[in-house]
C-alpha cells in the first residue's frame, strides 16, 4: 500500500466511529460516495463486505469500509 494511502486510512481509523450508516457515507468520504451509489454497489455485490442492517438502516463496520475504500484509492503523483 502506498504510504499516502496508508496515512489516509490511519486518519479514517482515528476519526470515524466503529459503525457508519450508509445514509452518512457522503459525510465520511467527502462526497466521493453517496448513499445511492453505495446501495447500487451493495446490490451488485461489489460493495463493502459484511454490511449489516439495524432496523431499516444499512451500516458498515469502520474497518471493512476503510479496507474497501483503500482498495479503490489510487495514489496520483505529480510529474516534475
N, C-alpha and C. Protein backbone atom coordinates (compact mmCIF):
# COMPACT_ATOMS: atom_id res chain seq x y z
N UNK A 1 0.85 -1.18 0.00
CA UNK A 1 0.00 0.00 0.00
C UNK A 1 0.90 1.24 0.00
N UNK A 2 0.54 2.19 -0.82
CA UNK A 2 1.26 3.46 -0.90
C UNK A 2 1.25 4.15 0.46
N UNK A 3 2.36 4.83 0.78
CA UNK A 3 2.49 5.49 2.08
C UNK A 3 1.39 6.52 2.32
N UNK A 4 1.03 7.28 1.31
CA UNK A 4 -0.01 8.30 1.45
C UNK A 4 -1.38 7.66 1.70
N UNK A 5 -1.67 6.56 1.01
CA UNK A 5 -2.94 5.86 1.21
C UNK A 5 -2.98 5.28 2.62
N UNK A 6 -1.87 4.75 3.09
CA UNK A 6 -1.81 4.23 4.47
C UNK A 6 -2.08 5.35 5.47
N UNK A 7 -1.56 6.52 5.19
CA UNK A 7 -1.78 7.68 6.07
C UNK A 7 -3.26 8.09 6.08
N UNK A 8 -3.86 8.09 4.91
CA UNK A 8 -5.29 8.43 4.81
C UNK A 8 -6.11 7.42 5.61
N UNK A 9 -5.80 6.14 5.46
CA UNK A 9 -6.53 5.10 6.18
C UNK A 9 -6.35 5.25 7.69
N UNK A 10 -5.16 5.60 8.13
CA UNK A 10 -4.91 5.80 9.56
C UNK A 10 -5.74 6.97 10.08
N UNK A 11 -5.87 8.02 9.28
CA UNK A 11 -6.70 9.16 9.67
C UNK A 11 -8.17 8.75 9.78
N UNK A 12 -8.63 7.93 8.86
CA UNK A 12 -10.01 7.42 8.93
C UNK A 12 -10.21 6.63 10.22
N UNK A 13 -9.27 5.75 10.53
CA UNK A 13 -9.38 4.92 11.73
C UNK A 13 -9.48 5.77 13.00
N UNK A 14 -8.72 6.84 13.03
CA UNK A 14 -8.70 7.70 14.21
C UNK A 14 -9.96 8.54 14.34
N UNK A 15 -10.55 8.92 13.23
CA UNK A 15 -11.65 9.90 13.26
C UNK A 15 -13.05 9.30 13.18
N UNK A 16 -13.19 8.15 12.57
CA UNK A 16 -14.51 7.59 12.30
C UNK A 16 -15.04 6.75 13.46
N UNK A 17 -16.37 6.71 13.63
CA UNK A 17 -16.96 5.80 14.61
C UNK A 17 -16.86 4.35 14.13
N UNK A 18 -17.11 3.42 15.01
CA UNK A 18 -17.00 1.99 14.66
C UNK A 18 -18.02 1.55 13.62
N UNK A 19 -19.19 2.17 13.62
CA UNK A 19 -20.27 1.84 12.69
C UNK A 19 -20.63 3.10 11.92
N UNK A 20 -20.75 2.98 10.59
CA UNK A 20 -21.10 4.12 9.75
C UNK A 20 -22.33 3.75 8.94
N UNK A 21 -23.36 4.56 9.06
CA UNK A 21 -24.60 4.33 8.32
C UNK A 21 -24.40 4.69 6.86
N UNK A 22 -24.99 3.90 5.98
CA UNK A 22 -24.93 4.20 4.56
C UNK A 22 -25.44 5.61 4.28
N UNK A 23 -26.46 6.02 5.01
CA UNK A 23 -27.05 7.35 4.81
C UNK A 23 -26.04 8.47 5.08
N UNK A 24 -25.00 8.19 5.85
CA UNK A 24 -23.99 9.20 6.21
C UNK A 24 -22.70 9.07 5.41
N UNK A 25 -22.67 8.19 4.44
CA UNK A 25 -21.42 7.88 3.74
C UNK A 25 -20.79 9.10 3.07
N UNK A 26 -21.59 9.99 2.52
CA UNK A 26 -21.04 11.17 1.84
C UNK A 26 -20.26 12.05 2.82
N UNK A 27 -20.75 12.14 4.03
CA UNK A 27 -20.07 12.93 5.06
C UNK A 27 -18.68 12.37 5.36
N UNK A 28 -18.56 11.07 5.41
CA UNK A 28 -17.30 10.44 5.77
C UNK A 28 -16.33 10.31 4.60
N UNK A 29 -16.84 10.36 3.37
CA UNK A 29 -15.97 10.23 2.20
C UNK A 29 -15.77 11.56 1.48
N UNK A 30 -16.19 12.64 2.09
CA UNK A 30 -16.02 13.94 1.45
C UNK A 30 -16.85 14.09 0.19
N UNK A 31 -17.94 13.35 0.12
CA UNK A 31 -18.82 13.43 -1.04
C UNK A 31 -18.42 12.53 -2.20
N UNK A 32 -17.36 11.74 -2.04
CA UNK A 32 -16.92 10.86 -3.12
C UNK A 32 -17.92 9.75 -3.40
N UNK A 33 -18.59 9.29 -2.35
CA UNK A 33 -19.60 8.25 -2.49
C UNK A 33 -20.89 8.75 -1.86
N UNK A 34 -22.01 8.44 -2.51
CA UNK A 34 -23.32 8.82 -1.99
C UNK A 34 -24.04 7.56 -1.49
N UNK A 35 -25.08 7.74 -0.69
CA UNK A 35 -25.84 6.57 -0.26
C UNK A 35 -26.40 5.78 -1.45
N UNK A 36 -26.82 6.48 -2.49
CA UNK A 36 -27.37 5.80 -3.67
C UNK A 36 -26.30 4.96 -4.37
N UNK A 37 -25.10 5.52 -4.50
CA UNK A 37 -24.00 4.77 -5.11
C UNK A 37 -23.68 3.53 -4.30
N UNK A 38 -23.61 3.68 -2.98
CA UNK A 38 -23.30 2.55 -2.11
C UNK A 38 -24.38 1.48 -2.19
N UNK A 39 -25.64 1.91 -2.28
CA UNK A 39 -26.74 0.95 -2.41
C UNK A 39 -26.60 0.17 -3.71
N UNK A 40 -26.20 0.85 -4.78
CA UNK A 40 -26.00 0.17 -6.06
C UNK A 40 -24.87 -0.83 -5.97
N UNK A 41 -23.75 -0.43 -5.37
CA UNK A 41 -22.63 -1.37 -5.21
C UNK A 41 -23.05 -2.57 -4.37
N UNK A 42 -23.78 -2.33 -3.29
CA UNK A 42 -24.24 -3.43 -2.45
C UNK A 42 -25.15 -4.37 -3.24
N UNK A 43 -26.06 -3.81 -4.02
CA UNK A 43 -27.00 -4.60 -4.82
C UNK A 43 -26.24 -5.47 -5.83
N UNK A 44 -25.20 -4.90 -6.43
CA UNK A 44 -24.42 -5.62 -7.44
C UNK A 44 -23.42 -6.61 -6.83
N UNK A 45 -23.27 -6.57 -5.51
CA UNK A 45 -22.36 -7.50 -4.84
C UNK A 45 -20.92 -7.04 -4.81
N UNK A 46 -20.67 -5.77 -5.13
CA UNK A 46 -19.30 -5.27 -5.12
C UNK A 46 -19.11 -4.14 -4.10
N UNK A 47 -20.02 -4.08 -3.15
CA UNK A 47 -19.93 -3.06 -2.11
C UNK A 47 -19.09 -3.52 -0.94
N UNK A 48 -19.19 -2.80 0.14
CA UNK A 48 -18.44 -3.11 1.36
C UNK A 48 -18.90 -4.48 1.87
N UNK A 49 -17.96 -5.40 2.11
CA UNK A 49 -18.37 -6.70 2.63
C UNK A 49 -18.87 -6.59 4.07
N UNK A 50 -19.70 -7.53 4.43
CA UNK A 50 -20.21 -7.64 5.80
C UNK A 50 -21.05 -6.45 6.25
N UNK A 51 -21.82 -5.86 5.34
CA UNK A 51 -22.73 -4.79 5.77
C UNK A 51 -23.84 -5.41 6.61
N UNK A 52 -24.45 -4.60 7.45
CA UNK A 52 -25.50 -5.08 8.35
C UNK A 52 -26.68 -4.13 8.29
N UNK A 53 -27.80 -4.58 8.82
CA UNK A 53 -28.96 -3.72 8.97
C UNK A 53 -29.26 -3.55 10.45
N UNK A 54 -29.51 -2.33 10.82
CA UNK A 54 -30.00 -2.02 12.16
C UNK A 54 -31.34 -1.34 11.92
N UNK A 55 -32.41 -2.05 12.22
CA UNK A 55 -33.73 -1.56 11.84
C UNK A 55 -33.80 -1.51 10.32
N UNK A 56 -34.10 -0.35 9.77
CA UNK A 56 -34.16 -0.20 8.32
C UNK A 56 -32.88 0.40 7.75
N UNK A 57 -31.89 0.67 8.59
CA UNK A 57 -30.65 1.33 8.16
C UNK A 57 -29.56 0.30 7.84
N UNK A 58 -28.91 0.49 6.70
CA UNK A 58 -27.75 -0.32 6.36
C UNK A 58 -26.54 0.38 6.96
N UNK A 59 -25.69 -0.41 7.63
CA UNK A 59 -24.49 0.15 8.26
C UNK A 59 -23.27 -0.67 7.85
N UNK A 60 -22.13 0.01 7.92
CA UNK A 60 -20.86 -0.62 7.60
C UNK A 60 -19.95 -0.57 8.81
N UNK A 61 -19.20 -1.64 9.01
CA UNK A 61 -18.16 -1.66 10.02
C UNK A 61 -17.03 -0.77 9.53
N UNK A 62 -16.49 0.05 10.41
CA UNK A 62 -15.44 1.00 10.04
C UNK A 62 -14.28 0.32 9.32
N UNK A 63 -13.77 -0.75 9.88
CA UNK A 63 -12.59 -1.40 9.30
C UNK A 63 -12.89 -1.98 7.93
N UNK A 64 -14.06 -2.59 7.75
CA UNK A 64 -14.44 -3.12 6.44
C UNK A 64 -14.56 -2.00 5.42
N UNK A 65 -15.13 -0.88 5.82
CA UNK A 65 -15.28 0.26 4.92
C UNK A 65 -13.92 0.84 4.54
N UNK A 66 -13.02 0.97 5.49
CA UNK A 66 -11.69 1.51 5.20
C UNK A 66 -10.94 0.60 4.24
N UNK A 67 -11.01 -0.70 4.46
CA UNK A 67 -10.33 -1.64 3.55
C UNK A 67 -10.92 -1.57 2.15
N UNK A 68 -12.24 -1.45 2.08
CA UNK A 68 -12.92 -1.34 0.78
C UNK A 68 -12.49 -0.07 0.06
N UNK A 69 -12.45 1.04 0.78
CA UNK A 69 -12.02 2.31 0.18
C UNK A 69 -10.56 2.25 -0.24
N UNK A 70 -9.71 1.69 0.61
CA UNK A 70 -8.28 1.61 0.31
C UNK A 70 -8.03 0.84 -0.99
N UNK A 71 -8.83 -0.19 -1.23
CA UNK A 71 -8.68 -0.97 -2.46
C UNK A 71 -9.04 -0.15 -3.69
N UNK A 72 -9.78 0.93 -3.51
CA UNK A 72 -10.21 1.77 -4.62
C UNK A 72 -9.39 3.05 -4.77
N UNK A 73 -8.59 3.36 -3.76
CA UNK A 73 -7.77 4.56 -3.81
C UNK A 73 -6.55 4.32 -4.69
N UNK A 74 -6.20 5.33 -5.42
CA UNK A 74 -5.00 5.25 -6.25
C UNK A 74 -4.19 6.51 -6.00
N UNK A 75 -2.96 6.34 -5.68
CA UNK A 75 -2.10 7.50 -5.46
C UNK A 75 -1.75 8.12 -6.81
N UNK A 76 -1.93 9.42 -6.88
CA UNK A 76 -1.58 10.15 -8.09
C UNK A 76 -0.37 11.01 -7.75
N UNK A 77 0.69 10.79 -8.43
CA UNK A 77 1.92 11.52 -8.15
C UNK A 77 2.11 12.60 -9.22
N UNK A 78 2.42 13.79 -8.78
CA UNK A 78 2.66 14.89 -9.71
C UNK A 78 3.95 14.62 -10.49
N UNK A 79 3.92 14.95 -11.76
CA UNK A 79 5.12 14.80 -12.58
C UNK A 79 5.96 16.04 -12.41
N UNK A 80 7.26 15.83 -12.31
CA UNK A 80 8.14 17.00 -12.16
C UNK A 80 8.95 17.26 -13.41
